[in-house]
């Protein structure tokens, strides 16, 4: 009789554990997603004057989170370590003006593109620089591990050949590069057009700078995921498609950029 009771108790315990496991799997569908961001990338994701994290990508990620019933938690990371952070699972998504490139596609799984971008060079008006060749033997800055840095190094005939020692000055974030440009320590800063236009529009000294368009190929921003996150990629793609269909994606673009550069 004792053996029967023990057997029945074991069966009950097994059923209970299975039920708990099933609840855990259901709960996981509603879990938090950790989004890695560079909080100096105006206007994609940045700290406002009040210290609140804001920006186009922040708003878009939250909108997608609502669609897929996942809570988005934003974590500031060293942008040069973004793929490592993703691989080590300290973050779940790279979502902060992350350009889709063949090199990056070898490391991460991308969502569908949602925004267009281009690399430009910001210069001071007083330097009277109107074309890239006038940056010959001058100091040019770029953010480390950015698409601008990759373009600069992979297509040296466009800009790298002109700059001093053919070596750019690298910055860990965009703000530091702009500070050096203002101070005259560099004469050009290669950055994303979305940042350049927004920054100069809202900066009090906007009339001191100008934007030089470059012949680098246009870019597409997308969300970076781990290689095995097929289901999550499908969910994010469906959410992006829905936001575009309802016009919410375009509305966010007009709010942050004054025009529709979504795709």
Protein backbone atom coordinates (compact mmCIF):
# COMPACT_ATOMS: atom_id res chain seq x y z
CA UNK A 1 0.00 0.00 0.00
CA UNK A 2 2.89 2.36 0.83
CA UNK A 3 4.44 1.67 -2.59
CA UNK A 4 1.15 2.59 -4.28
CA UNK A 5 0.88 5.84 -2.28
CA UNK A 6 4.48 6.78 -3.09
CA UNK A 7 3.86 6.00 -6.75
CA UNK A 8 0.70 8.16 -6.84
CA UNK A 9 2.51 11.02 -5.06
CA UNK A 10 5.31 10.81 -7.63
CA UNK A 11 2.79 11.00 -10.48
CA UNK A 12 1.16 14.06 -8.90
CA UNK A 13 4.53 15.74 -8.42
CA UNK A 14 5.45 15.05 -12.07
CA UNK A 15 2.14 16.52 -13.29
CA UNK A 16 2.68 19.57 -11.08
CA UNK A 17 6.21 20.10 -12.42
CA UNK A 18 4.99 19.80 -16.01
CA UNK A 19 2.26 22.35 -15.32
CA UNK A 20 4.80 24.73 -13.81
CA UNK A 21 7.06 24.26 -16.77
CA UNK A 22 4.23 25.04 -19.14
CA UNK A 23 3.38 28.19 -17.18
CA UNK A 24 7.03 29.23 -17.39
CA UNK A 25 7.02 28.80 -21.18
CA UNK A 26 3.87 30.89 -21.47
CA UNK A 27 5.39 33.53 -19.21
CA UNK A 28 8.50 33.68 -21.37
CA UNK A 29 6.37 34.89 -24.30
CA UNK A 30 5.61 37.99 -22.24
CA UNK A 31 9.18 38.47 -21.01
CA UNK A 32 11.36 41.54 -21.09
CA UNK A 33 13.63 42.26 -24.05
CA UNK A 34 16.89 44.09 -23.28
CA UNK A 35 17.64 46.65 -26.01
CA UNK A 36 21.24 47.82 -26.37
CA UNK A 37 21.59 51.53 -27.22
CA UNK A 38 24.17 54.29 -27.57
CA UNK A 39 22.52 57.04 -25.53
CA UNK A 40 24.41 59.82 -27.33
CA UNK A 41 22.97 59.10 -30.80
CA UNK A 42 20.63 62.03 -31.38
CA UNK A 43 17.85 61.65 -32.50
CA UNK A 44 17.74 57.84 -32.53
CA UNK A 45 18.32 57.27 -28.81
CA UNK A 46 19.67 59.87 -26.40
CA UNK A 47 19.38 61.41 -22.96
CA UNK A 48 17.10 64.45 -22.87
CA UNK A 49 17.89 67.49 -20.71
CA UNK A 50 15.76 65.93 -17.98
CA UNK A 51 17.78 62.71 -18.13
CA UNK A 52 15.05 60.68 -19.81
CA UNK A 53 15.99 58.32 -22.63
CA UNK A 54 14.18 59.40 -25.78
CA UNK A 55 14.46 59.32 -29.56
CA UNK A 56 13.03 57.83 -32.74
CA UNK A 57 14.30 54.29 -32.08
CA UNK A 58 13.15 54.43 -28.47
CA UNK A 59 9.62 55.34 -29.58
CA UNK A 60 9.64 52.75 -32.36
CA UNK A 61 10.93 49.95 -30.11
CA UNK A 62 8.21 50.70 -27.56
CA UNK A 63 5.56 50.66 -30.30
CA UNK A 64 6.84 47.30 -31.57
CA UNK A 65 6.96 45.99 -27.99
CA UNK A 66 3.26 46.73 -27.60
CA UNK A 67 2.50 44.89 -30.83
CA UNK A 68 4.38 41.75 -29.82
CA UNK A 69 3.45 41.97 -26.12
CA UNK A 70 7.03 42.28 -24.89
CA UNK A 71 8.39 44.86 -22.48
CA UNK A 72 11.36 46.80 -23.90
CA UNK A 73 14.07 47.73 -21.39
CA UNK A 74 16.86 49.95 -22.72
CA UNK A 75 20.45 49.44 -21.66
CA UNK A 76 23.31 51.78 -22.56
CA UNK A 77 26.27 49.89 -24.00
CA UNK A 78 29.71 50.54 -25.43
CA UNK A 79 28.76 50.74 -29.12
CA UNK A 80 32.05 49.14 -30.19
CA UNK A 81 31.03 46.03 -28.19
CA UNK A 82 27.45 45.75 -29.42
CA UNK A 83 27.79 42.42 -31.25
CA UNK A 84 29.70 40.94 -28.31
CA UNK A 85 26.97 42.09 -25.90
CA UNK A 86 24.36 40.45 -28.13
CA UNK A 87 26.32 37.21 -28.44
CA UNK A 88 26.89 37.06 -24.67
CA UNK A 89 23.15 37.59 -24.10
CA UNK A 90 23.59 40.66 -21.95
CA UNK A 91 21.25 42.32 -24.46
CA UNK A 92 18.60 40.82 -26.75
CA UNK A 93 18.46 43.45 -29.49
CA UNK A 94 20.72 46.05 -31.08
CA UNK A 95 18.31 48.87 -31.89
CA UNK A 96 19.82 52.31 -32.20
CA UNK A 97 20.50 53.47 -35.75
CA UNK A 98 22.09 50.09 -36.53
CA UNK A 99 22.98 49.94 -40.22
CA UNK A 100 22.53 46.66 -42.05
CA UNK A 101 25.79 45.67 -43.78
CA UNK A 102 27.12 42.36 -45.20
CA UNK A 103 29.88 42.33 -42.58
CA UNK A 104 27.42 42.69 -39.73
CA UNK A 105 25.01 40.19 -41.30
CA UNK A 106 27.71 37.57 -40.84
CA UNK A 107 27.50 38.13 -37.08
CA UNK A 108 23.85 38.99 -36.41
CA UNK A 109 20.37 38.32 -37.73
CA UNK A 110 18.62 41.44 -39.06
CA UNK A 111 15.02 42.54 -39.11
CA UNK A 112 13.62 44.15 -42.22
CA UNK A 113 14.90 47.73 -42.78
CA UNK A 114 12.75 50.53 -41.38
CA UNK A 115 14.69 53.78 -42.03
CA UNK A 116 16.99 55.29 -44.70
CA UNK A 117 20.26 57.03 -43.88
CA UNK A 118 23.48 58.35 -45.45
CA UNK A 119 26.95 59.30 -44.26
CA UNK A 120 27.85 63.02 -44.38
CA UNK A 121 30.71 65.21 -43.22
CA UNK A 122 30.03 68.17 -40.91
CA UNK A 123 32.45 71.11 -41.20
CA UNK A 124 32.65 74.63 -39.77
CA UNK A 125 31.46 77.46 -41.96
CA UNK A 126 34.54 79.54 -41.12
CA UNK A 127 36.86 76.89 -42.61
CA UNK A 128 35.24 77.52 -46.01
CA UNK A 129 35.34 73.83 -46.93
CA UNK A 130 32.85 73.03 -49.71
CA UNK A 131 34.09 69.65 -50.98
CA UNK A 132 35.76 66.57 -49.53
CA UNK A 133 39.07 67.13 -51.33
CA UNK A 134 39.55 70.31 -49.29
CA UNK A 135 40.03 68.12 -46.22
CA UNK A 136 43.46 67.14 -47.55
CA UNK A 137 46.00 66.95 -44.70
CA UNK A 138 43.31 67.94 -42.20
CA UNK A 139 42.04 66.06 -39.16
CA UNK A 140 38.76 64.19 -39.66
CA UNK A 141 36.88 62.40 -36.91
CA UNK A 142 34.51 59.43 -36.89
CA UNK A 143 32.82 57.30 -34.23
CA UNK A 144 34.58 54.00 -33.50
CA UNK A 145 32.91 50.86 -34.89
CA UNK A 146 30.32 52.96 -36.73
CA UNK A 147 29.15 52.51 -40.30
CA UNK A 148 30.95 55.75 -41.11
CA UNK A 149 34.23 54.23 -39.93
CA UNK A 150 33.63 51.10 -42.02
CA UNK A 151 32.84 53.18 -45.12
CA UNK A 152 35.88 55.37 -44.56
CA UNK A 153 38.26 52.42 -44.33
CA UNK A 154 36.69 50.24 -47.02
CA UNK A 155 36.40 53.00 -49.63
CA UNK A 156 39.62 55.01 -49.13
CA UNK A 157 39.33 56.85 -52.46
CA UNK A 158 36.35 58.87 -51.21
CA UNK A 159 37.75 60.47 -48.06
CA UNK A 160 40.53 58.48 -46.38
CA UNK A 161 43.12 59.42 -49.01
CA UNK A 162 42.70 63.12 -48.21
CA UNK A 163 42.85 63.24 -44.42
CA UNK A 164 46.02 63.73 -42.39
CA UNK A 165 48.15 60.57 -42.38
CA UNK A 166 45.14 58.81 -43.92
CA UNK A 167 44.12 58.05 -40.33
CA UNK A 168 40.83 59.26 -38.81
CA UNK A 169 40.54 60.38 -35.20
CA UNK A 170 38.14 57.97 -33.50
CA UNK A 171 35.60 58.88 -30.81
CA UNK A 172 33.67 56.64 -28.46
CA UNK A 173 30.54 58.75 -28.98
CA UNK A 174 29.22 61.42 -31.30
CA UNK A 175 29.03 64.19 -28.72
CA UNK A 176 32.79 64.13 -28.10
CA UNK A 177 33.44 64.35 -31.82
CA UNK A 178 31.18 67.37 -32.18
CA UNK A 179 32.89 69.05 -29.23
CA UNK A 180 36.27 68.66 -30.94
CA UNK A 181 34.84 69.97 -34.20
CA UNK A 182 33.53 73.06 -32.42
CA UNK A 183 36.91 73.57 -30.74
CA UNK A 184 38.77 73.24 -34.03
CA UNK A 185 40.70 70.12 -33.02
CA UNK A 186 39.25 68.37 -36.08
CA UNK A 187 38.12 70.01 -39.31
CA UNK A 188 35.52 67.45 -40.36
CA UNK A 189 33.33 64.86 -38.66
CA UNK A 190 31.93 61.90 -40.59
CA UNK A 191 28.53 60.99 -39.13
CA UNK A 192 25.02 59.81 -39.97
CA UNK A 193 22.88 62.31 -41.82
CA UNK A 194 19.97 61.72 -39.42
CA UNK A 195 22.18 62.94 -36.58
CA UNK A 196 23.78 65.83 -38.47
CA UNK A 197 20.50 67.37 -39.62
CA UNK A 198 18.76 67.00 -36.26
CA UNK A 199 21.75 68.17 -34.24
CA UNK A 200 22.40 71.28 -36.33
CA UNK A 201 18.72 72.14 -36.41
CA UNK A 202 18.49 72.13 -32.62
CA UNK A 203 21.96 73.44 -31.78
CA UNK A 204 22.22 77.12 -30.92
CA UNK A 205 25.33 77.42 -33.08
CA UNK A 206 23.76 75.77 -36.12
CA UNK A 207 24.81 78.64 -38.40
CA UNK A 208 28.45 77.80 -37.66
CA UNK A 209 28.32 74.45 -39.48
CA UNK A 210 27.45 72.98 -42.84
CA UNK A 211 26.90 69.47 -44.17
CA UNK A 212 28.88 67.98 -47.04
CA UNK A 213 27.12 65.14 -48.84
CA UNK A 214 29.34 62.13 -49.56
CA UNK A 215 29.17 59.53 -52.35
CA UNK A 216 29.03 56.65 -49.87
CA UNK A 217 26.13 54.31 -50.56
CA UNK A 218 22.84 55.02 -48.80
CA UNK A 219 22.12 52.85 -45.79
CA UNK A 220 19.23 51.11 -44.09
CA UNK A 221 18.67 50.92 -40.35
CA UNK A 222 17.43 47.58 -39.00
CA UNK A 223 17.20 45.69 -35.71
CA UNK A 224 20.04 43.29 -34.84
CA UNK A 225 19.17 39.92 -33.29
CA UNK A 226 20.98 36.72 -32.45
CA UNK A 227 21.32 34.19 -35.25
CA UNK A 228 18.87 31.77 -33.62
CA UNK A 229 16.09 34.28 -32.94
CA UNK A 230 14.01 33.42 -36.01
CA UNK A 231 10.68 33.62 -34.20
CA UNK A 232 11.48 37.00 -32.65
CA UNK A 233 12.63 38.35 -36.00
CA UNK A 234 9.33 37.29 -37.58
CA UNK A 235 7.36 38.99 -34.80
CA UNK A 236 9.34 42.24 -35.11
CA UNK A 237 8.97 42.24 -38.90
CA UNK A 238 5.22 41.76 -38.65
CA UNK A 239 4.98 44.59 -36.11
CA UNK A 240 7.04 46.94 -38.32
CA UNK A 241 4.81 46.10 -41.28
CA UNK A 242 1.69 46.84 -39.23
CA UNK A 243 3.10 50.16 -38.00
CA UNK A 244 3.91 51.15 -41.56
CA UNK A 245 0.48 50.07 -42.82
CA UNK A 246 -1.29 52.14 -40.17
CA UNK A 247 0.97 55.16 -40.79
CA UNK A 248 2.48 55.16 -37.29
CA UNK A 249 6.00 54.58 -38.61
CA UNK A 250 5.69 57.54 -40.99
CA UNK A 251 4.23 59.67 -38.21
CA UNK A 252 7.26 59.00 -36.02
CA UNK A 253 9.54 59.90 -38.92
CA UNK A 254 7.82 63.25 -39.44
CA UNK A 255 7.94 63.95 -35.70
CA UNK A 256 11.68 63.35 -35.37
CA UNK A 257 13.00 64.32 -38.82
CA UNK A 258 10.38 66.61 -40.31
CA UNK A 259 10.03 64.28 -43.30
CA UNK A 260 9.31 60.66 -44.12
CA UNK A 261 12.54 58.67 -44.43
CA UNK A 262 10.97 55.36 -43.37
CA UNK A 263 11.10 52.33 -45.62
